[in-house]
Amino acid sequence: MIVSQASSINWKINCRGYARRSSSPHADYVDVELRSASALRSLLTLAKQKKVRCIISFHNFKSTPPLRVLRTKARAAKTHGADIFKIATRTDTPGQLARLLDFIAKKDIDLPVSAMGIGKLGAISRVLLARAGSALVYGSVGAETDIEGQLPLKQLRALGITSRR
């Protein structure tokens, strides 16, 4: 189970939920947005104490930043104690998708990266990035999703994208 900080508005609810779940075997990861990592330092410390892995995320729903910005974000995530750096950016153009693929292929930080596109090329980005080495692939459990480009689990499995456990 991944306990995620869905938005800055409801992080307190999730943090309390995480604190209850963290003592059970069900919480494997906690997902915190990079911009909130400093404010949630105590949560990240508690996660480490409970042997819960930390995903630190960066989202940009408007574009895919240049490689130097993505690398800076990854280094910041590592500084905050990330076990995995998750990046989700807008991929409406081949250039945006190419930047994400370059980031996965040429990452210069010793940290697993989970990368995914959102937008017109979001679905193909998830397949290509999984094949390029993305640490995690996010899919919907049901056939419907509110996230542009997210594929259902059934379709990911049909494409040969399965758990590495």
C-alpha atoms as a PDB file:
ATOM      1  CA  MET A   1       0.000   0.000   0.000  1.00  0.00           C
ATOM      2  CA  ILE A   2       1.173   3.515  -0.787  1.00  0.00           C
ATOM      3  CA  VAL A   3      -0.132   6.243   1.489  1.00  0.00           C
ATOM      4  CA  SER A   4      -0.117   9.393  -0.590  1.00  0.00           C
ATOM      5  CA  GLN A   5      -0.301  13.071   0.208  1.00  0.00           C
ATOM      6  CA  ALA A   6      -3.035  13.785  -2.328  1.00  0.00           C
ATOM      7  CA  SER A   7      -2.991  17.554  -1.927  1.00  0.00           C
ATOM      8  CA  SER A   8      -1.770  20.213   0.432  1.00  0.00           C
ATOM      9  CA  ILE A   9      -5.349  20.664   1.683  1.00  0.00           C
ATOM     10  CA  ASN A  10      -5.778  17.141   3.035  1.00  0.00           C
ATOM     11  CA  TRP A  11      -2.239  16.166   4.033  1.00  0.00           C
ATOM     12  CA  LYS A  12      -3.073  16.330   7.749  1.00  0.00           C
ATOM     13  CA  ILE A  13      -5.752  13.669   7.286  1.00  0.00           C
ATOM     14  CA  ASN A  14      -3.326  11.464   5.366  1.00  0.00           C
ATOM     15  CA  CYS A  15      -0.551  12.016   7.893  1.00  0.00           C
ATOM     16  CA  ARG A  16      -2.832  10.889  10.711  1.00  0.00           C
ATOM     17  CA  GLY A  17      -3.950   7.959   8.580  1.00  0.00           C
ATOM     18  CA  TYR A  18      -0.334   7.138   7.854  1.00  0.00           C
ATOM     19  CA  ALA A  19       0.562   7.225  11.543  1.00  0.00           C
ATOM     20  CA  ARG A  20      -2.129   4.627  12.273  1.00  0.00           C
ATOM     21  CA  ARG A  21      -1.249   2.488   9.257  1.00  0.00           C
ATOM     22  CA  SER A  22       2.508   2.714   9.691  1.00  0.00           C
ATOM     23  CA  SER A  23       2.453   0.315  12.632  1.00  0.00           C
ATOM     24  CA  SER A  24       0.650  -2.282  10.535  1.00  0.00           C
ATOM     25  CA  PRO A  25       2.194  -4.326   7.734  1.00  0.00           C
ATOM     26  CA  HIS A  26      -0.018  -2.599   5.161  1.00  0.00           C
ATOM     27  CA  ALA A  27       1.881   0.652   4.596  1.00  0.00           C
ATOM     28  CA  ASP A  28       4.927  -0.040   2.446  1.00  0.00           C
ATOM     29  CA  TYR A  29       5.456   3.517   1.216  1.00  0.00           C
ATOM     30  CA  VAL A  30       4.525   7.070   2.052  1.00  0.00           C
ATOM     31  CA  ASP A  31       4.305   9.528  -0.865  1.00  0.00           C
ATOM     32  CA  VAL A  32       5.026  13.186  -0.102  1.00  0.00           C
ATOM     33  CA  GLU A  33       5.122  16.067  -2.558  1.00  0.00           C
ATOM     34  CA  LEU A  34       8.628  17.580  -2.808  1.00  0.00           C
ATOM     35  CA  ARG A  35       7.388  21.097  -2.072  1.00  0.00           C
ATOM     36  CA  SER A  36       5.969  19.787   1.252  1.00  0.00           C
ATOM     37  CA  ALA A  37       8.951  17.649   2.272  1.00  0.00           C
ATOM     38  CA  SER A  38      10.448  20.244   4.628  1.00  0.00           C
ATOM     39  CA  ALA A  39       7.123  20.821   6.375  1.00  0.00           C
ATOM     40  CA  LEU A  40       6.610  17.054   6.666  1.00  0.00           C
ATOM     41  CA  ARG A  41      10.108  16.242   7.928  1.00  0.00           C
ATOM     42  CA  SER A  42       8.673  14.585  11.075  1.00  0.00           C
ATOM     43  CA  LEU A  43       6.488  12.313   8.936  1.00  0.00           C
ATOM     44  CA  LEU A  44       9.479  11.307   6.805  1.00  0.00           C
ATOM     45  CA  THR A  45      11.513  10.625   9.944  1.00  0.00           C
ATOM     46  CA  LEU A  46       8.705   8.510  11.413  1.00  0.00           C
ATOM     47  CA  ALA A  47       8.448   6.584   8.148  1.00  0.00           C
ATOM     48  CA  LYS A  48      12.153   5.753   8.261  1.00  0.00           C
ATOM     49  CA  GLN A  49      11.853   4.638  11.892  1.00  0.00           C
ATOM     50  CA  LYS A  50       8.936   2.361  10.968  1.00  0.00           C
ATOM     51  CA  LYS A  51      10.848   0.991   7.963  1.00  0.00           C
ATOM     52  CA  VAL A  52       8.301   2.514   5.591  1.00  0.00           C
ATOM     53  CA  ARG A  53       9.904   3.630   2.340  1.00  0.00           C
ATOM     54  CA  CYS A  54       9.537   7.244   1.190  1.00  0.00           C
ATOM     55  CA  ILE A  55       8.477   8.364  -2.260  1.00  0.00           C
ATOM     56  CA  ILE A  56       9.067  12.063  -2.803  1.00  0.00           C
ATOM     57  CA  SER A  57       7.091  13.397  -5.757  1.00  0.00           C
ATOM     58  CA  PHE A  58       7.274  16.277  -8.182  1.00  0.00           C
ATOM     59  CA  HIS A  59       4.257  17.125 -10.337  1.00  0.00           C
ATOM     60  CA  ASN A  60       4.043  19.677 -13.145  1.00  0.00           C
ATOM     61  CA  PHE A  61       0.673  19.598 -14.884  1.00  0.00           C
ATOM     62  CA  LYS A  62       1.569  22.388 -17.332  1.00  0.00           C
ATOM     63  CA  SER A  63       4.828  21.180 -18.911  1.00  0.00           C
ATOM     64  CA  THR A  64       7.898  18.985 -18.639  1.00  0.00           C
ATOM     65  CA  PRO A  65      10.770  21.116 -17.353  1.00  0.00           C
ATOM     66  CA  PRO A  66      14.297  20.977 -18.830  1.00  0.00           C
ATOM     67  CA  LEU A  67      16.617  18.138 -17.757  1.00  0.00           C
ATOM     68  CA  ARG A  68      18.639  20.397 -15.449  1.00  0.00           C
ATOM     69  CA  VAL A  69      15.456  21.242 -13.490  1.00  0.00           C
ATOM     70  CA  LEU A  70      14.447  17.581 -13.275  1.00  0.00           C
ATOM     71  CA  ARG A  71      17.918  16.665 -12.008  1.00  0.00           C
ATOM     72  CA  THR A  72      17.748  19.441  -9.400  1.00  0.00           C
ATOM     73  CA  LYS A  73      14.377  18.123  -8.204  1.00  0.00           C
ATOM     74  CA  ALA A  74      15.758  14.563  -7.965  1.00  0.00           C
ATOM     75  CA  ARG A  75      18.748  15.746  -5.916  1.00  0.00           C
ATOM     76  CA  ALA A  76      16.413  17.657  -3.595  1.00  0.00           C
ATOM     77  CA  ALA A  77      14.264  14.531  -3.148  1.00  0.00           C
ATOM     78  CA  LYS A  78      17.348  12.514  -2.248  1.00  0.00           C
ATOM     79  CA  THR A  79      18.408  15.186   0.259  1.00  0.00           C
ATOM     80  CA  HIS A  80      14.990  14.821   1.941  1.00  0.00           C
ATOM     81  CA  GLY A  81      15.528  11.064   2.277  1.00  0.00           C
ATOM     82  CA  ALA A  82      13.601   9.704  -0.701  1.00  0.00           C
ATOM     83  CA  ASP A  83      13.858   6.016  -1.463  1.00  0.00           C
ATOM     84  CA  ILE A  84      12.156   6.720  -4.804  1.00  0.00           C
ATOM     85  CA  PHE A  85      11.751   9.995  -6.714  1.00  0.00           C
ATOM     86  CA  LYS A  86       8.409  10.160  -8.519  1.00  0.00           C
ATOM     87  CA  ILE A  87       7.925  12.622 -11.344  1.00  0.00           C
ATOM     88  CA  ALA A  88       4.688  13.251 -13.219  1.00  0.00           C
ATOM     89  CA  THR A  89       4.697  15.943 -15.900  1.00  0.00           C
ATOM     90  CA  ARG A  90       2.672  17.127 -18.860  1.00  0.00           C
ATOM     91  CA  THR A  91       3.400  15.146 -22.027  1.00  0.00           C
ATOM     92  CA  ASP A  92       1.344  16.652 -24.831  1.00  0.00           C
ATOM     93  CA  THR A  93       4.241  16.862 -27.299  1.00  0.00           C
ATOM     94  CA  PRO A  94       6.965  14.458 -28.437  1.00  0.00           C
ATOM     95  CA  GLY A  95       9.553  16.895 -27.040  1.00  0.00           C
ATOM     96  CA  GLN A  96       8.055  16.726 -23.558  1.00  0.00           C
ATOM     97  CA  LEU A  97       8.005  12.924 -23.680  1.00  0.00           C
ATOM     98  CA  ALA A  98      11.596  12.870 -24.976  1.00  0.00           C
ATOM     99  CA  ARG A  99      12.722  14.943 -21.961  1.00  0.00           C
ATOM    100  CA  LEU A 100      11.211  12.413 -19.550  1.00  0.00           C
ATOM    101  CA  LEU A 101      12.803   9.527 -21.434  1.00  0.00           C
ATOM    102  CA  ASP A 102      16.167  11.336 -21.412  1.00  0.00           C
ATOM    103  CA  PHE A 103      15.824  11.937 -17.685  1.00  0.00           C
ATOM    104  CA  ILE A 104      15.280   8.212 -17.024  1.00  0.00           C
ATOM    105  CA  ALA A 105      18.046   7.163 -19.421  1.00  0.00           C
ATOM    106  CA  LYS A 106      20.636   9.710 -18.290  1.00  0.00           C
ATOM    107  CA  LYS A 107      19.840  10.150 -14.600  1.00  0.00           C
ATOM    108  CA  ASP A 108      22.979  11.038 -12.719  1.00  0.00           C
ATOM    109  CA  ILE A 109      21.734  10.337  -9.207  1.00  0.00           C
ATOM    110  CA  ASP A 110      21.779   7.083  -7.272  1.00  0.00           C
ATOM    111  CA  LEU A 111      18.033   6.992  -6.648  1.00  0.00           C
ATOM    112  CA  PRO A 112      15.282   4.937  -8.280  1.00  0.00           C
ATOM    113  CA  VAL A 113      12.974   7.118 -10.377  1.00  0.00           C
ATOM    114  CA  SER A 114       9.328   6.578 -11.176  1.00  0.00           C
ATOM    115  CA  ALA A 115       8.418   8.745 -14.170  1.00  0.00           C
ATOM    116  CA  MET A 116       5.106   9.183 -15.935  1.00  0.00           C
ATOM    117  CA  GLY A 117       3.492  11.547 -18.359  1.00  0.00           C
ATOM    118  CA  ILE A 118       0.074  13.110 -18.083  1.00  0.00           C
ATOM    119  CA  GLY A 119      -1.708  14.376 -21.163  1.00  0.00           C
ATOM    120  CA  LYS A 120      -2.094  13.489 -24.822  1.00  0.00           C
ATOM    121  CA  LEU A 121       0.984  11.228 -24.783  1.00  0.00           C
ATOM    122  CA  GLY A 122       0.440  10.082 -21.202  1.00  0.00           C
ATOM    123  CA  ALA A 123      -0.575   6.515 -22.041  1.00  0.00           C
ATOM    124  CA  ILE A 124       2.367   5.827 -24.354  1.00  0.00           C
ATOM    125  CA  SER A 125       4.691   7.579 -21.876  1.00  0.00           C
ATOM    126  CA  ARG A 126       3.779   5.065 -19.189  1.00  0.00           C
ATOM    127  CA  VAL A 127       4.585   2.139 -21.471  1.00  0.00           C
ATOM    128  CA  LEU A 128       7.842   3.624 -22.796  1.00  0.00           C
ATOM    129  CA  LEU A 129       9.027   4.817 -19.391  1.00  0.00           C
ATOM    130  CA  ALA A 130       8.280   1.428 -17.825  1.00  0.00           C
ATOM    131  CA  ARG A 131      10.372  -0.227 -20.524  1.00  0.00           C
ATOM    132  CA  ALA A 132      13.127   2.399 -20.004  1.00  0.00           C
ATOM    133  CA  GLY A 133      13.389   1.554 -16.301  1.00  0.00           C
ATOM    134  CA  SER A 134      10.813   3.563 -14.377  1.00  0.00           C
ATOM    135  CA  ALA A 135      10.788   2.142 -10.840  1.00  0.00           C
ATOM    136  CA  LEU A 136       6.994   2.225 -10.487  1.00  0.00           C
ATOM    137  CA  VAL A 137       4.144   2.360 -12.980  1.00  0.00           C
ATOM    138  CA  TYR A 138       0.877   3.851 -11.792  1.00  0.00           C
ATOM    139  CA  GLY A 139      -2.338   2.444 -13.240  1.00  0.00           C
ATOM    140  CA  SER A 140      -6.000   2.532 -12.367  1.00  0.00           C
ATOM    141  CA  VAL A 141      -7.624  -0.479 -10.723  1.00  0.00           C
ATOM    142  CA  GLY A 142     -10.846   0.027 -12.654  1.00  0.00           C
ATOM    143  CA  ALA A 143     -11.427   0.753 -16.311  1.00  0.00           C
ATOM    144  CA  GLU A 144     -12.094   4.451 -15.660  1.00  0.00           C
ATOM    145  CA  THR A 145      -9.685   7.091 -14.360  1.00  0.00           C
ATOM    146  CA  ASP A 146      -9.655  10.859 -13.922  1.00  0.00           C
ATOM    147  CA  ILE A 147      -5.964  11.052 -14.850  1.00  0.00           C
ATOM    148  CA  GLU A 148      -5.318  11.744 -18.515  1.00  0.00           C
ATOM    149  CA  GLY A 149      -3.083   9.028 -19.896  1.00  0.00           C
ATOM    150  CA  GLN A 150      -3.281   6.622 -16.959  1.00  0.00           C
ATOM    151  CA  LEU A 151      -3.913   3.074 -18.133  1.00  0.00           C
ATOM    152  CA  PRO A 152      -6.006   0.454 -16.366  1.00  0.00           C
ATOM    153  CA  LEU A 153      -4.094  -2.316 -14.591  1.00  0.00           C
ATOM    154  CA  LYS A 154      -5.649  -4.891 -16.911  1.00  0.00           C
ATOM    155  CA  GLN A 155      -4.255  -3.076 -19.965  1.00  0.00           C
ATOM    156  CA  LEU A 156      -0.800  -2.660 -18.379  1.00  0.00           C
ATOM    157  CA  ARG A 157      -0.701  -6.404 -17.741  1.00  0.00           C
ATOM    158  CA  ALA A 158      -1.789  -7.107 -21.326  1.00  0.00           C
ATOM    159  CA  LEU A 159       1.161  -4.974 -22.491  1.00  0.00           C
ATOM    160  CA  GLY A 160       3.531  -7.052 -20.379  1.00  0.00           C
ATOM    161  CA  ILE A 161       4.046  -4.427 -17.679  1.00  0.00           C
ATOM    162  CA  THR A 162       3.837  -6.341 -14.422  1.00  0.00           C
ATOM    163  CA  SER A 163       5.106  -6.168 -10.871  1.00  0.00           C
ATOM    164  CA  ARG A 164       8.777  -6.925 -10.343  1.00  0.00           C
ATOM    165  CA  ARG A 165       8.205  -8.304  -6.819  1.00  0.00           C
END
